[in-house]
């Protein structure tokens, strides 16, 4: 959608018209806002559980990751959980200021960024869930004490997949809404009935075409006639 100024951006991509007052209660009740808050809580639980209960000391007092001693598994869970939490906060703030954007182009960029980020994090959470589940499945439980926090991190990794899928759907619907608004508001000037059809150049004087004063027709006398004096 091309930027058509504040008038063209009013109500674009499902947001209220720019310049209006912010309704906090209405904003918090939106499904996208609720899902984003839930996604942030899931991410917080994942990396908090791994940090607090994802490590143990073996017989040599060496700190190891409870996921089969694989440090990469713990780092991955902590990393995606922390970054997903920060991402939710950033887009939560952007959602607050989104209705204040008067440019339809800026709104389109924000919606596309939200859609891309949400889809990408769906993939990362899916990889994280499979990774942590596999490492936990091959862990030798006789050597460690089973900790509920480690299992909780796996469970909420799975829940995060679902919540980020929902965020992707909401972002796609908002993008599709903006595209549909542009399609409906765009009018082909060639199909505009208010513009009169093209007409040929009018005949001057209303008469028919006249023979030009000088013609290339041959002289009917058959030759040159000298002037008489």
Protein backbone atom coordinates (compact mmCIF):
# COMPACT_ATOMS: atom_id res chain seq x y z
CA UNK A 1 0.00 0.00 0.00
CA UNK A 2 1.35 3.33 -0.96
CA UNK A 3 1.61 6.07 1.56
CA UNK A 4 -1.20 8.45 0.94
CA UNK A 5 -0.75 10.65 4.00
CA UNK A 6 -2.73 10.59 7.20
CA UNK A 7 -6.03 10.39 5.34
CA UNK A 8 -5.04 7.21 3.49
CA UNK A 9 -3.75 5.61 6.65
CA UNK A 10 -6.86 6.04 8.73
CA UNK A 11 -7.99 2.64 9.93
CA UNK A 12 -5.30 0.88 7.86
CA UNK A 13 -4.30 -2.66 8.88
CA UNK A 14 -7.11 -2.99 11.39
CA UNK A 15 -5.96 -0.21 13.72
CA UNK A 16 -8.12 2.75 14.78
CA UNK A 17 -7.65 6.08 13.06
CA UNK A 18 -4.48 7.92 13.99
CA UNK A 19 -4.70 10.77 16.42
CA UNK A 20 -7.39 9.22 18.61
CA UNK A 21 -7.14 8.68 22.35
CA UNK A 22 -5.60 5.44 23.61
CA UNK A 23 -8.09 3.04 25.19
CA UNK A 24 -6.09 0.83 27.56
CA UNK A 25 -8.99 -1.44 28.46
CA UNK A 26 -9.84 -2.07 24.82
CA UNK A 27 -6.17 -2.67 24.01
CA UNK A 28 -5.71 -5.24 26.78
CA UNK A 29 -8.82 -7.11 25.67
CA UNK A 30 -7.58 -7.62 22.14
CA UNK A 31 -6.79 -11.29 21.39
CA UNK A 32 -3.39 -10.37 19.96
CA UNK A 33 -2.44 -8.49 23.13
CA UNK A 34 -3.57 -11.33 25.40
CA UNK A 35 -1.67 -13.90 23.32
CA UNK A 36 1.47 -11.76 23.34
CA UNK A 37 1.37 -11.47 27.13
CA UNK A 38 0.89 -15.24 27.45
CA UNK A 39 3.81 -15.86 25.07
CA UNK A 40 6.01 -13.61 27.18
CA UNK A 41 5.06 -15.53 30.34
CA UNK A 42 5.82 -18.87 28.67
CA UNK A 43 9.23 -17.62 27.54
CA UNK A 44 9.97 -16.30 31.03
CA UNK A 45 9.11 -19.68 32.57
CA UNK A 46 11.33 -21.57 30.10
CA UNK A 47 14.54 -19.67 30.63
CA UNK A 48 13.89 -19.13 34.36
CA UNK A 49 13.41 -22.88 34.94
CA UNK A 50 16.58 -23.77 33.06
CA UNK A 51 18.64 -21.12 34.83
CA UNK A 52 17.41 -22.06 38.30
CA UNK A 53 17.11 -25.85 38.00
CA UNK A 54 18.76 -26.85 34.73
CA UNK A 55 22.26 -27.49 36.15
CA UNK A 56 23.69 -29.93 38.67
CA UNK A 57 27.06 -30.81 40.21
CA UNK A 58 28.45 -34.24 39.41
CA UNK A 59 30.77 -36.32 41.58
CA UNK A 60 33.71 -34.13 40.57
CA UNK A 61 31.81 -30.94 41.51
CA UNK A 62 31.59 -29.98 37.84
CA UNK A 63 28.49 -28.04 36.86
CA UNK A 64 26.66 -29.82 34.06
CA UNK A 65 23.41 -29.30 32.16
CA UNK A 66 20.65 -31.65 33.24
CA UNK A 67 19.74 -32.29 29.62
CA UNK A 68 22.12 -35.22 29.19
CA UNK A 69 25.03 -33.00 30.16
CA UNK A 70 24.66 -31.10 26.87
CA UNK A 71 25.52 -27.47 27.52
CA UNK A 72 24.14 -26.47 24.13
CA UNK A 73 20.66 -27.63 25.17
CA UNK A 74 20.67 -25.39 28.23
CA UNK A 75 22.11 -22.45 26.31
CA UNK A 76 19.56 -22.85 23.53
CA UNK A 77 16.60 -22.97 25.94
CA UNK A 78 17.85 -19.96 27.88
CA UNK A 79 18.66 -18.02 24.71
CA UNK A 80 15.38 -18.43 22.86
CA UNK A 81 13.38 -17.92 26.04
CA UNK A 82 15.14 -14.67 26.90
CA UNK A 83 15.02 -13.29 23.35
CA UNK A 84 11.37 -14.28 22.92
CA UNK A 85 10.57 -12.45 26.17
CA UNK A 86 12.33 -9.30 24.95
CA UNK A 87 10.62 -9.59 21.56
CA UNK A 88 7.20 -9.75 23.18
CA UNK A 89 7.96 -6.61 25.19
CA UNK A 90 9.16 -4.72 22.11
CA UNK A 91 6.12 -5.63 20.01
CA UNK A 92 3.84 -4.97 22.98
CA UNK A 93 5.14 -1.39 23.05
CA UNK A 94 4.86 -1.14 19.26
CA UNK A 95 1.23 -2.29 19.45
CA UNK A 96 0.51 0.57 21.84
CA UNK A 97 1.86 3.18 19.42
CA UNK A 98 0.64 1.42 16.27
CA UNK A 99 -2.66 3.41 16.03
CA UNK A 100 -0.64 6.64 16.25
CA UNK A 101 1.21 5.88 13.02
CA UNK A 102 -0.27 8.12 10.36
CA UNK A 103 1.62 6.49 7.48
CA UNK A 104 0.14 3.38 5.91
CA UNK A 105 3.61 2.40 4.70
CA UNK A 106 5.00 2.48 8.25
CA UNK A 107 2.10 0.36 9.44
CA UNK A 108 2.78 -2.16 6.69
CA UNK A 109 6.43 -2.46 7.71
CA UNK A 110 5.45 -2.99 11.35
CA UNK A 111 2.91 -5.68 10.48
CA UNK A 112 5.37 -7.47 8.19
CA UNK A 113 8.04 -7.36 10.92
CA UNK A 114 5.56 -8.81 13.40
CA UNK A 115 4.57 -11.55 10.97
CA UNK A 116 8.16 -12.48 10.14
CA UNK A 117 9.29 -12.44 13.77
CA UNK A 118 6.35 -14.56 14.93
CA UNK A 119 6.82 -17.17 12.19
CA UNK A 120 10.55 -17.35 12.84
CA UNK A 121 10.03 -17.86 16.57
CA UNK A 122 7.49 -20.61 15.89
CA UNK A 123 10.29 -22.44 14.14
CA UNK A 124 12.82 -21.76 16.91
CA UNK A 125 10.43 -22.98 19.60
CA UNK A 126 9.70 -26.13 17.62
CA UNK A 127 13.43 -26.83 17.29
CA UNK A 128 13.92 -26.08 20.99
CA UNK A 129 11.11 -28.40 22.05
CA UNK A 130 12.49 -31.27 19.94
CA UNK A 131 16.06 -30.60 21.12
CA UNK A 132 15.25 -30.47 24.82
CA UNK A 133 12.90 -33.45 24.62
CA UNK A 134 15.49 -35.60 22.88
CA UNK A 135 18.28 -34.71 25.32
CA UNK A 136 16.02 -35.31 28.30
CA UNK A 137 14.90 -38.68 26.88
CA UNK A 138 18.47 -40.00 26.70
CA UNK A 139 19.51 -38.61 30.08
CA UNK A 140 20.62 -41.22 32.63
CA UNK A 141 18.29 -40.56 35.52
CA UNK A 142 20.34 -42.75 37.88
CA UNK A 143 23.07 -40.16 37.88
CA UNK A 144 20.93 -37.11 38.59
CA UNK A 145 17.96 -36.06 40.62
CA UNK A 146 14.86 -35.55 38.51
CA UNK A 147 13.88 -31.89 38.70
CA UNK A 148 10.38 -30.72 37.83
CA UNK A 149 11.66 -27.39 36.51
CA UNK A 150 13.52 -29.14 33.70
CA UNK A 151 10.37 -30.92 32.60
CA UNK A 152 8.38 -27.70 32.94
CA UNK A 153 10.76 -25.99 30.50
CA UNK A 154 10.01 -28.70 27.93
CA UNK A 155 6.26 -28.41 28.47
CA UNK A 156 6.21 -24.63 28.14
CA UNK A 157 8.41 -24.86 25.05
CA UNK A 158 5.59 -26.81 23.47
CA UNK A 159 2.99 -24.30 24.70
CA UNK A 160 5.12 -21.53 23.21
CA UNK A 161 4.86 -23.13 19.78
CA UNK A 162 1.08 -22.84 19.97
CA UNK A 163 1.08 -19.27 21.28
CA UNK A 164 3.48 -18.06 18.58
CA UNK A 165 1.40 -19.78 15.92
CA UNK A 166 -1.54 -17.73 17.15
CA UNK A 167 0.56 -14.55 17.00
CA UNK A 168 1.52 -15.42 13.42
CA UNK A 169 -2.14 -15.87 12.51
CA UNK A 170 -3.12 -12.54 14.08
CA UNK A 171 -0.27 -10.76 12.26
CA UNK A 172 -1.24 -12.35 8.95
CA UNK A 173 -4.89 -11.34 9.40
CA UNK A 174 -3.85 -7.78 10.12
CA UNK A 175 -1.64 -7.73 7.02
CA UNK A 176 -4.40 -9.27 4.89
CA UNK A 177 -6.83 -6.67 6.20
CA UNK A 178 -4.52 -3.89 5.02
CA UNK A 179 -4.15 -5.46 1.58
CA UNK A 180 -7.93 -5.88 1.25
CA UNK A 181 -8.51 -2.27 2.29
CA UNK A 182 -6.14 -1.09 -0.43
CA UNK A 183 -7.80 -3.31 -3.05
CA UNK A 184 -11.28 -2.07 -2.18
CA UNK A 185 -10.30 1.61 -2.03
CA UNK A 186 -8.29 1.60 -5.25
CA UNK A 187 -10.24 2.66 -8.34
CA UNK A 188 -8.98 2.15 -11.87
CA UNK A 189 -9.22 5.58 -13.57
CA UNK A 190 -9.95 3.90 -16.91
CA UNK A 191 -13.08 2.35 -15.40
CA UNK A 192 -14.32 5.52 -13.74
CA UNK A 193 -17.81 6.26 -15.03
CA UNK A 194 -17.56 9.91 -13.98
CA UNK A 195 -14.88 10.58 -16.60
CA UNK A 196 -16.42 11.17 -20.06
CA UNK A 197 -15.19 8.87 -22.82
CA UNK A 198 -12.61 10.10 -25.28
CA UNK A 199 -14.13 11.78 -28.31
CA UNK A 200 -12.58 12.54 -31.68
CA UNK A 201 -11.50 16.03 -32.63
CA UNK A 202 -14.59 18.01 -33.60
CA UNK A 203 -15.14 19.28 -37.11
CA UNK A 204 -14.45 23.01 -37.25
CA UNK A 205 -17.47 24.84 -38.51
CA UNK A 206 -19.50 21.68 -38.74
CA UNK A 207 -18.69 21.27 -42.42
CA UNK A 208 -17.11 18.48 -44.30
CA UNK A 209 -13.52 18.24 -45.37
CA UNK A 210 -12.69 20.87 -48.03
CA UNK A 211 -10.29 20.54 -50.92
CA UNK A 212 -7.06 22.45 -50.14
CA UNK A 213 -6.52 25.65 -52.16
CA UNK A 214 -3.41 24.25 -53.83
CA UNK A 215 -3.67 20.89 -55.47
CA UNK A 216 -1.22 18.61 -57.16
CA UNK A 217 -3.73 17.76 -59.86
CA UNK A 218 -2.42 18.35 -63.41
CA UNK A 219 -3.51 21.42 -65.34
CA UNK A 220 -6.55 20.51 -67.44
CA UNK A 221 -5.20 22.74 -70.30
CA UNK A 222 -2.30 20.40 -70.69
CA UNK A 223 0.60 22.87 -70.27
CA UNK A 224 1.97 26.07 -68.90
CA UNK A 225 -0.09 29.17 -69.63
CA UNK A 226 1.88 32.43 -69.68
CA UNK A 227 0.26 35.43 -68.10
CA UNK A 228 -1.38 37.93 -70.38
CA UNK A 229 -0.57 41.60 -70.25
